[in-house]
Amino acid sequence: MKVLKFPFIFFLFMFASVKSTGANNMAGNEVSFETTTTYKLLKMDTVFYGNNSIEIDSYKKMFNKAIERIKGKFSYHEIKNADSLVAVSILKIIDSTLTEENFLFKTGQKRNFDFLTGAMREQFSFESAGLRQNEYREKYWLNRKEKLCRFIDCDLYCEIYIGIGQMAGLPLKMVEIPSHNYIRWLFADGGYIVWNGNDGKVYAENKMECYYKLTDSNRSHYLFNFQENNILGYYLFLIGMNFHFRNPVDLNRAKEFYELSIELDGDRPSTLNNYVWLHIMSPELDDSFKDKKMMVYIDKAISLEKNLNFYDAKACLYALQGNFAEALKVQSDGLKLLHDPFFKRKKAENHFECFLKNEVCREIP
């Protein structure tokens, strides 16, 4: 897939508009498709997919279809004063609309699962696992002769719901827990219901898939209602990840998009950690690891989540600066932690052995 030079001027315009559109959507505040968060994400996709006007038009038609159905069944007053029954009915309308556009849940490591354009553009053979015991999906696919579908993951579901919600004036928010995203419908009294896009069902929040991964070490930066800057920052993080870890690897573009992500959402520890590791493990970026903000970033990541991999990054920064005594101290503290969600303990142990010999060992992946 050809990687395009993304026009930086678009980001400047987009950042300036974050607070003015879609960031604080409450019931009744409708917007046009071109001012939705989803549209802004689609425009970011051009860095990988080039001209995606066909996909943008397809999303716009799908959004309009969902909104026509919602407004055909519920009045403005009913939406604004919705109870849980009305909220679930509206969310089911969105799920059925996505189903009729052949979207099905699937998680994986392919780029099309990360980005909206790829999800709309690429089609795959039907897999029944994506039905997730959803009655409408089962009925729809049972009656279909053509068995091609579009796969999307939990975050793409949420990003679609958010855009439709903005256009229809629905009080929806995207929420993150480890390895999962879902939707909250907010009520005026401060309550909410929880909706899982993966299977199109309502849940008690503590019964949501992956909820068990919340720990005392990471809980502080999860479970909050995303604002638009959080969603855009998350998407930029994924773009940076693709440049960092997938072909074609482009370290400078990874750095660029991590920096854009941090500018919008500086409280995402994974972005801060990846940005620091990018400089630790990439001699071709010269001495960027000496930048004082590297230590600031990794300290902030650690303050948000006590993660072994974050401590390892901090220790490596000290080692690169020649301070092996401090590197060993930090690494010792990190190795005491049980929280190692990225399974990096062996790497950290190898780094510790290097530090004992006053070696940096940048080549250890």
Protein backbone atom coordinates (compact mmCIF):
# COMPACT_ATOMS: atom_id res chain seq x y z
CA MET A 1 0.00 0.00 0.00
CA LYS A 2 1.47 3.34 -1.03
CA VAL A 3 2.20 5.75 1.80
CA LEU A 4 1.48 9.38 0.96
CA LYS A 5 2.97 12.53 2.36
CA PHE A 6 0.20 13.80 4.59
CA PRO A 7 -0.50 17.55 4.37
CA PHE A 8 0.48 18.99 7.76
CA ILE A 9 -1.73 22.02 7.16
CA PHE A 10 -4.80 19.79 7.50
CA PHE A 11 -3.75 18.87 11.04
CA LEU A 12 -3.34 22.52 11.97
CA PHE A 13 -6.85 23.20 10.74
CA MET A 14 -8.19 20.10 12.42
CA PHE A 15 -6.57 20.87 15.78
CA ALA A 16 -7.99 24.38 15.71
CA SER A 17 -11.48 22.99 15.20
CA VAL A 18 -11.39 20.23 17.82
CA LYS A 19 -12.97 22.27 20.60
CA SER A 20 -15.61 23.80 18.37
CA THR A 21 -17.25 20.71 16.90
CA GLY A 22 -18.25 17.39 18.32
CA ALA A 23 -16.19 17.58 21.47
CA ASN A 24 -19.03 18.07 23.94
CA ASN A 25 -21.97 16.55 22.12
CA MET A 26 -25.15 16.37 24.19
CA ALA A 27 -28.67 15.37 23.17
CA GLY A 28 -30.07 17.74 20.56
CA ASN A 29 -26.79 19.25 19.29
CA GLU A 30 -26.80 17.99 15.70
CA VAL A 31 -23.95 18.56 13.24
CA SER A 32 -23.29 17.90 9.55
CA PHE A 33 -21.35 14.85 8.39
CA GLU A 34 -18.35 16.97 7.39
CA THR A 35 -17.95 18.26 10.96
CA THR A 36 -18.19 14.86 12.67
CA THR A 37 -15.26 13.23 14.39
CA THR A 38 -15.63 10.29 11.99
CA TYR A 39 -15.11 12.52 8.96
CA LYS A 40 -11.92 13.94 10.50
CA LEU A 41 -10.63 10.42 11.07
CA LEU A 42 -11.40 9.50 7.47
CA LYS A 43 -9.40 12.48 6.26
CA MET A 44 -6.44 11.22 8.29
CA ASP A 45 -6.65 7.90 6.45
CA THR A 46 -5.36 9.45 3.24
CA VAL A 47 -1.82 9.05 4.58
CA PHE A 48 -2.19 5.32 3.84
CA TYR A 49 -5.05 5.04 1.38
CA GLY A 50 -4.72 8.08 -0.86
CA ASN A 51 -7.97 9.35 -2.34
CA ASN A 52 -10.76 7.87 -0.20
CA SER A 53 -13.65 9.99 -1.45
CA ILE A 54 -15.60 6.85 -2.40
CA GLU A 55 -15.33 5.50 1.14
CA ILE A 56 -16.21 8.88 2.64
CA ASP A 57 -19.31 9.03 0.46
CA SER A 58 -20.24 5.48 1.51
CA TYR A 59 -19.99 6.40 5.18
CA LYS A 60 -22.04 9.54 4.61
CA LYS A 61 -24.80 7.55 2.94
CA MET A 62 -24.74 4.98 5.74
CA PHE A 63 -24.90 7.69 8.39
CA ASN A 64 -27.82 9.39 6.64
CA LYS A 65 -29.61 6.06 6.39
CA ALA A 66 -29.26 5.48 10.13
CA ILE A 67 -30.38 9.01 10.97
CA GLU A 68 -33.44 8.80 8.73
CA ARG A 69 -34.46 5.62 10.53
CA ILE A 70 -33.89 7.13 13.95
CA LYS A 71 -35.83 10.30 13.17
CA GLY A 72 -38.55 8.31 11.45
CA LYS A 73 -39.21 6.47 14.70
CA PHE A 74 -38.35 9.00 17.41
CA SER A 75 -39.08 12.71 17.74
CA TYR A 76 -36.56 15.32 18.82
CA HIS A 77 -38.27 15.44 22.23
CA GLU A 78 -38.07 11.66 22.63
CA ILE A 79 -34.38 11.62 21.76
CA LYS A 80 -33.56 14.51 24.07
CA ASN A 81 -35.48 12.92 26.96
CA ALA A 82 -34.69 9.30 26.16
CA ASP A 83 -34.84 6.65 28.84
CA SER A 84 -32.87 3.41 28.65
CA LEU A 85 -35.52 1.69 26.50
CA VAL A 86 -35.47 4.45 23.88
CA ALA A 87 -31.67 4.62 24.00
CA VAL A 88 -31.31 0.88 23.39
CA SER A 89 -33.85 1.02 20.55
CA ILE A 90 -31.85 3.77 18.83
CA LEU A 91 -28.55 1.96 19.33
CA LYS A 92 -30.11 -1.16 17.80
CA ILE A 93 -31.08 0.91 14.76
CA ILE A 94 -27.44 1.91 14.32
CA ASP A 95 -26.30 -1.70 14.74
CA SER A 96 -28.81 -2.94 12.16
CA THR A 97 -27.70 -0.25 9.70
CA LEU A 98 -24.08 -1.33 10.08
CA THR A 99 -25.15 -4.94 9.61
CA GLU A 100 -26.93 -4.08 6.36
CA GLU A 101 -23.71 -2.50 5.10
CA ASN A 102 -22.11 -5.92 5.72
CA PHE A 103 -20.03 -4.85 8.71
CA LEU A 104 -19.12 -7.62 11.15
CA PHE A 105 -16.88 -7.73 14.17
CA LYS A 106 -13.43 -9.23 13.90
CA THR A 107 -10.27 -8.41 15.77
CA GLY A 108 -6.80 -8.86 14.36
CA GLN A 109 -3.54 -7.26 13.36
CA LYS A 110 -4.27 -6.15 9.82
CA ARG A 111 -4.37 -2.48 8.96
CA ASN A 112 -7.98 -2.62 7.75
CA PHE A 113 -9.03 -3.38 11.33
CA ASP A 114 -7.43 -0.13 12.52
CA PHE A 115 -8.70 2.39 10.01
CA LEU A 116 -12.12 3.40 8.73
CA THR A 117 -11.17 3.61 5.06
CA GLY A 118 -9.73 0.10 5.00
CA ALA A 119 -12.78 -1.25 6.81
CA MET A 120 -15.09 0.13 4.11
CA ARG A 121 -12.82 -0.56 1.13
CA GLU A 122 -11.76 -4.15 1.77
CA GLN A 123 -14.15 -7.12 1.81
CA PHE A 124 -13.61 -10.64 3.10
CA SER A 125 -15.33 -13.99 3.22
CA PHE A 126 -18.09 -14.17 5.82
CA GLU A 127 -17.15 -15.56 9.24
CA SER A 128 -19.98 -16.58 11.54
CA ALA A 129 -18.01 -15.63 14.66
CA GLY A 130 -18.78 -11.99 13.88
CA LEU A 131 -22.49 -12.57 14.45
CA ARG A 132 -21.86 -12.66 18.21
CA GLN A 133 -25.30 -14.21 18.92
CA ASN A 134 -26.97 -11.05 17.63
CA GLU A 135 -30.46 -11.98 16.42
CA TYR A 136 -30.67 -9.30 13.73
CA ARG A 137 -27.23 -10.18 12.34
CA GLU A 138 -28.06 -13.89 12.31
CA LYS A 139 -31.31 -13.30 10.41
CA TYR A 140 -29.67 -10.91 7.94
CA TRP A 141 -26.77 -13.19 7.08
CA LEU A 142 -28.91 -16.32 6.95
CA ASN A 143 -30.88 -14.77 4.09
CA ARG A 144 -27.89 -13.43 2.15
CA LYS A 145 -26.64 -15.23 -0.94
CA GLU A 146 -23.48 -13.16 -1.34
CA LYS A 147 -21.23 -13.97 1.61
CA LEU A 148 -18.78 -11.06 1.57
CA CYS A 149 -18.42 -8.83 4.60
CA ARG A 150 -16.45 -5.92 5.99
CA PHE A 151 -14.58 -6.48 9.23
CA ILE A 152 -14.27 -3.89 12.00
CA ASP A 153 -12.90 -3.94 15.51
CA CYS A 154 -14.31 -2.36 18.67
CA ASP A 155 -12.67 1.04 18.20
CA LEU A 156 -14.00 1.43 14.65
CA TYR A 157 -17.48 0.55 15.85
CA CYS A 158 -17.20 3.30 18.44
CA GLU A 159 -15.86 5.86 15.96
CA ILE A 160 -18.82 5.17 13.69
CA TYR A 161 -21.36 5.38 16.53
CA ILE A 162 -19.85 8.68 17.66
CA GLY A 163 -20.25 10.24 14.20
CA ILE A 164 -23.83 9.06 13.78
CA GLY A 165 -24.54 10.24 17.30
CA GLN A 166 -23.18 13.70 16.53
CA MET A 167 -25.34 14.00 13.42
CA ALA A 168 -28.47 12.77 15.21
CA GLY A 169 -27.87 14.69 18.43
CA LEU A 170 -27.32 11.59 20.57
CA PRO A 171 -25.39 11.89 23.87
CA LEU A 172 -22.81 9.20 23.06
CA LYS A 173 -19.27 8.87 24.38
CA MET A 174 -16.46 6.48 23.53
CA VAL A 175 -14.82 4.75 26.50
CA GLU A 176 -11.62 2.71 26.73
CA ILE A 177 -10.53 -0.16 28.95
CA PRO A 178 -7.49 -2.39 28.30
CA SER A 179 -7.83 -4.01 24.84
CA HIS A 180 -11.38 -2.75 24.32
CA ASN A 181 -13.55 0.28 23.50
CA TYR A 182 -17.29 0.71 23.95
CA ILE A 183 -20.05 3.33 23.99
CA ARG A 184 -21.88 5.09 26.79
CA TRP A 185 -25.25 6.79 26.28
CA LEU A 186 -25.32 9.60 28.84
CA PHE A 187 -28.53 10.65 30.60
CA ALA A 188 -29.29 14.09 32.00
CA ASP A 189 -29.31 12.77 35.59
CA GLY A 190 -25.67 11.66 35.30
CA GLY A 191 -26.44 8.00 34.66
CA TYR A 192 -25.67 6.06 31.50
CA ILE A 193 -26.05 2.74 29.75
CA VAL A 194 -23.15 0.78 28.28
CA TRP A 195 -23.28 -0.50 24.69
CA ASN A 196 -20.85 -2.95 23.10
CA GLY A 197 -20.54 -2.39 19.36
CA ASN A 198 -18.87 -5.77 18.86
CA ASP A 199 -22.12 -7.64 19.44
CA GLY A 200 -24.67 -4.81 19.44
CA LYS A 201 -25.83 -5.36 23.01
CA VAL A 202 -26.23 -3.48 26.28
CA TYR A 203 -24.09 -4.53 29.26
CA ALA A 204 -23.50 -3.88 32.91
CA GLU A 205 -20.18 -2.07 32.73
CA ASN A 206 -18.33 -4.46 35.01
CA LYS A 207 -19.46 -7.35 32.79
CA MET A 208 -17.97 -5.83 29.64
CA GLU A 209 -15.41 -7.97 27.83
CA CYS A 210 -11.84 -7.18 28.91
CA TYR A 211 -13.07 -5.33 32.02
CA TYR A 212 -11.13 -7.86 34.08
CA LYS A 213 -7.89 -6.36 32.72
CA LEU A 214 -8.38 -3.24 34.80
CA THR A 215 -5.98 -3.23 37.75
CA ASP A 216 -4.84 -0.84 40.45
CA SER A 217 -1.81 -0.21 38.22
CA ASN A 218 -3.69 1.02 35.15
CA ARG A 219 -7.22 2.03 36.23
CA SER A 220 -6.42 5.74 36.55
CA HIS A 221 -6.29 6.38 32.79
CA TYR A 222 -9.26 4.27 31.71
CA LEU A 223 -13.05 4.45 32.08
CA PHE A 224 -13.42 8.15 31.26
CA ASN A 225 -15.62 9.62 28.53
CA PHE A 226 -13.51 10.44 25.48
CA GLN A 227 -13.72 13.96 24.13
CA GLU A 228 -12.93 14.60 20.49
CA ASN A 229 -9.26 15.32 21.18
CA ASN A 230 -8.94 11.88 22.83
CA ILE A 231 -10.44 10.12 19.80
CA LEU A 232 -8.28 12.02 17.31
CA GLY A 233 -5.21 11.49 19.47
CA TYR A 234 -5.94 7.77 19.70
CA TYR A 235 -6.25 7.51 15.90
CA LEU A 236 -3.00 9.41 15.37
CA PHE A 237 -1.35 6.98 17.81
CA LEU A 238 -2.52 4.07 15.63
CA ILE A 239 -1.09 5.77 12.53
CA GLY A 240 2.20 6.22 14.36
CA MET A 241 2.11 2.55 15.39
CA ASN A 242 1.69 1.49 11.76
CA PHE A 243 4.71 3.51 10.68
CA HIS A 244 6.68 2.25 13.69
CA PHE A 245 6.01 -1.49 13.52
CA ARG A 246 4.57 -2.46 10.12
CA ASN A 247 5.81 -2.41 6.57
CA PRO A 248 6.77 0.00 5.27
CA VAL A 249 8.55 1.12 8.46
CA ASP A 250 9.17 4.87 8.50
CA LEU A 251 10.67 6.04 11.78
CA ASN A 252 10.41 9.74 10.97
CA ARG A 253 6.72 9.45 10.12
CA ALA A 254 6.17 7.40 13.27
CA LYS A 255 7.82 10.19 15.27
CA GLU A 256 5.69 12.80 13.49
CA PHE A 257 2.39 11.09 14.24
CA TYR A 258 3.28 10.19 17.82
CA GLU A 259 4.07 13.88 18.38
CA LEU A 260 0.74 14.91 16.86
CA SER A 261 -1.02 12.38 19.07
CA ILE A 262 0.72 13.66 22.20
CA GLU A 263 -0.15 17.24 21.26
CA LEU A 264 -3.84 16.33 21.23
CA ASP A 265 -3.90 13.75 24.03
CA GLY A 266 -0.84 13.87 26.26
CA ASP A 267 -2.27 11.49 28.86
CA ARG A 268 -2.10 8.29 26.81
CA PRO A 269 0.75 6.31 28.40
CA SER A 270 1.12 3.94 25.45
CA THR A 271 1.84 6.86 23.11
CA LEU A 272 4.37 8.37 25.50
CA ASN A 273 6.05 4.98 25.96
CA ASN A 274 6.16 4.20 22.23
CA TYR A 275 7.59 7.62 21.47
CA VAL A 276 10.40 7.10 23.97
CA TRP A 277 11.15 3.56 22.78
CA LEU A 278 11.24 4.81 19.18
CA HIS A 279 14.20 7.01 20.10
CA ILE A 280 15.87 4.44 22.36
CA MET A 281 15.91 1.71 19.71
CA SER A 282 16.65 3.84 16.64
CA PRO A 283 20.27 5.05 16.37
CA GLU A 284 19.34 6.51 12.97
CA LEU A 285 17.36 9.18 14.84
CA ASP A 286 20.77 10.36 16.14
CA ASP A 287 20.86 11.69 19.71
CA SER A 288 17.18 12.53 20.06
CA PHE A 289 17.06 10.34 23.17
CA LYS A 290 18.98 13.11 24.97
CA ASP A 291 16.02 15.47 24.65
CA LYS A 292 14.85 16.32 28.18
CA LYS A 293 11.24 15.70 27.20
CA MET A 294 11.98 11.97 26.84
CA MET A 295 12.41 11.60 30.59
CA VAL A 296 9.39 13.85 31.19
CA TYR A 297 7.27 11.68 28.90
CA ILE A 298 8.27 8.35 30.43
CA ASP A 299 7.84 9.71 33.96
CA LYS A 300 4.34 10.78 33.02
CA ALA A 301 3.60 7.35 31.53
CA ILE A 302 4.77 5.71 34.76
CA SER A 303 2.64 8.09 36.84
CA LEU A 304 -0.39 6.96 34.83
CA GLU A 305 0.42 3.24 34.82
CA LYS A 306 2.95 1.24 36.80
CA ASN A 307 4.06 -0.88 33.84
CA LEU A 308 7.29 -2.90 33.65
CA ASN A 309 7.87 -1.84 30.04
CA PHE A 310 7.70 1.84 31.03
CA TYR A 311 10.31 1.34 33.75
CA ASP A 312 12.49 -0.48 31.23
CA ALA A 313 12.29 2.52 28.89
CA LYS A 314 13.31 4.89 31.68
CA ALA A 315 16.22 2.64 32.64
CA CYS A 316 17.38 2.53 29.01
CA LEU A 317 17.30 6.33 28.83
CA TYR A 318 19.62 6.51 31.82
CA ALA A 319 21.90 3.89 30.26
CA LEU A 320 22.10 5.82 26.99
CA GLN A 321 23.16 8.85 29.03
CA GLY A 322 25.89 6.77 30.69
CA ASN A 323 24.21 6.71 34.11
CA PHE A 324 24.22 2.96 34.66
CA ALA A 325 23.80 3.19 38.42
CA GLU A 326 20.46 4.95 38.00
CA ALA A 327 19.53 2.59 35.16
CA LEU A 328 20.03 -0.41 37.46
CA LYS A 329 18.02 1.22 40.24
CA VAL A 330 15.07 1.98 37.96
CA GLN A 331 15.21 -1.45 36.34
CA SER A 332 15.27 -3.14 39.75
CA ASP A 333 12.10 -1.26 40.70
CA GLY A 334 10.45 -2.22 37.43
CA LEU A 335 11.29 -5.90 37.73
CA LYS A 336 9.50 -6.00 41.09
CA LEU A 337 6.22 -5.18 39.34
CA LEU A 338 3.73 -7.90 38.47
CA HIS A 339 2.03 -5.67 35.88
CA ASP A 340 3.57 -6.65 32.53
CA PRO A 341 0.74 -6.51 29.96
CA PHE A 342 3.13 -6.39 27.00
CA PHE A 343 5.08 -9.49 28.16
CA LYS A 344 8.40 -7.63 28.21
CA ARG A 345 9.94 -9.14 31.34
CA LYS A 346 12.60 -11.16 29.49
CA LYS A 347 13.69 -8.10 27.54
CA ALA A 348 13.92 -6.06 30.76
CA GLU A 349 15.96 -8.81 32.42
CA ASN A 350 18.35 -8.85 29.45
CA HIS A 351 18.72 -5.08 29.66
CA PHE A 352 19.49 -5.38 33.37
CA GLU A 353 22.33 -7.78 32.59
CA CYS A 354 23.67 -5.30 30.04
CA PHE A 355 23.57 -2.46 32.55
CA LEU A 356 25.59 -4.53 35.02
CA LYS A 357 28.35 -4.58 32.38
CA ASN A 358 27.90 -0.87 31.56
CA GLU A 359 26.46 -1.80 28.17
CA VAL A 360 23.43 -0.23 26.51
CA CYS A 361 22.32 -3.19 24.34
CA ARG A 362 20.17 -1.12 22.00
CA GLU A 363 19.87 -4.11 19.70
CA ILE A 364 17.66 -6.08 22.14
CA PRO A 365 14.14 -5.73 20.66
